[in-house]
């Protein structure tokens, strides 16, 4: 498992952050997801199943811009 810290552009509302966390947790290959700040998430994922871009794309599908920190 790999870990990556992803920053989310802007300050997502608590509801928006919950949507992002739920979407990431729903991906096959994601082990753990936790908010580490108001606009940051730490994701543990299987690199044989997912790429960092898959994670970022999932966050974008929830309506937020994101990138690796």
Protein backbone atom coordinates (compact mmCIF):
# COMPACT_ATOMS: atom_id res chain seq x y z
CA UNK A 1 0.00 0.00 0.00
CA UNK A 2 1.12 3.53 -0.82
CA UNK A 3 0.10 6.76 0.87
CA UNK A 4 -0.45 10.14 -0.72
CA UNK A 5 -1.44 13.51 0.69
CA UNK A 6 -3.89 15.33 -1.56
CA UNK A 7 -4.79 18.99 -1.25
CA UNK A 8 -8.25 20.21 -2.18
CA UNK A 9 -8.52 23.71 -3.64
CA UNK A 10 -10.51 26.07 -1.48
CA UNK A 11 -12.19 25.26 1.79
CA UNK A 12 -14.73 22.49 1.24
CA UNK A 13 -17.73 22.62 3.55
CA UNK A 14 -17.96 19.79 6.08
CA UNK A 15 -20.63 18.21 3.88
CA UNK A 16 -18.41 18.54 0.81
CA UNK A 17 -15.49 16.97 2.63
CA UNK A 18 -17.69 14.06 3.72
CA UNK A 19 -18.72 13.52 0.09
CA UNK A 20 -15.05 13.46 -0.94
CA UNK A 21 -14.11 11.02 1.84
CA UNK A 22 -17.05 8.74 1.02
CA UNK A 23 -16.22 8.75 -2.70
CA UNK A 24 -12.59 7.85 -2.02
CA UNK A 25 -13.54 5.11 0.46
CA UNK A 26 -15.84 3.65 -2.20
CA UNK A 27 -12.99 3.00 -4.61
CA UNK A 28 -11.68 -0.54 -4.91
CA UNK A 29 -8.05 -0.52 -3.79
CA UNK A 30 -8.40 2.21 -1.15
CA UNK A 31 -7.42 1.04 2.32
CA UNK A 32 -7.77 4.12 4.49
CA UNK A 33 -8.84 7.72 4.00
CA UNK A 34 -8.59 10.48 6.57
CA UNK A 35 -8.93 14.24 6.56
CA UNK A 36 -5.66 15.73 7.85
CA UNK A 37 -6.75 19.35 7.58
CA UNK A 38 -9.64 21.47 6.35
CA UNK A 39 -8.62 20.91 2.73
CA UNK A 40 -6.32 17.86 2.85
CA UNK A 41 -6.84 14.11 2.73
CA UNK A 42 -4.38 11.30 3.33
CA UNK A 43 -5.18 8.23 1.23
CA UNK A 44 -3.70 4.76 1.56
CA UNK A 45 -4.17 2.91 -1.71
CA UNK A 46 -3.01 -0.14 -3.67
CA UNK A 47 -0.82 1.12 -6.55
CA UNK A 48 -1.58 -2.03 -8.55
CA UNK A 49 -5.27 -1.10 -8.56
CA UNK A 50 -5.26 2.73 -8.56
CA UNK A 51 -3.07 5.66 -9.51
CA UNK A 52 -2.87 9.04 -7.82
CA UNK A 53 -4.66 10.48 -10.85
CA UNK A 54 -7.58 8.09 -10.20
CA UNK A 55 -7.84 9.52 -6.69
CA UNK A 56 -7.65 13.12 -7.93
CA UNK A 57 -10.21 12.39 -10.65
CA UNK A 58 -12.61 11.04 -8.00
CA UNK A 59 -12.27 14.26 -5.99
CA UNK A 60 -12.85 16.33 -9.14
CA UNK A 61 -16.01 14.33 -9.86
CA UNK A 62 -17.30 15.58 -6.49
CA UNK A 63 -16.85 19.16 -7.74
CA UNK A 64 -13.45 20.12 -6.27
CA UNK A 65 -10.01 20.77 -7.75
CA UNK A 66 -7.25 18.68 -6.19
CA UNK A 67 -3.54 17.90 -6.46
CA UNK A 68 -0.73 16.10 -4.68
CA UNK A 69 1.01 17.92 -1.85
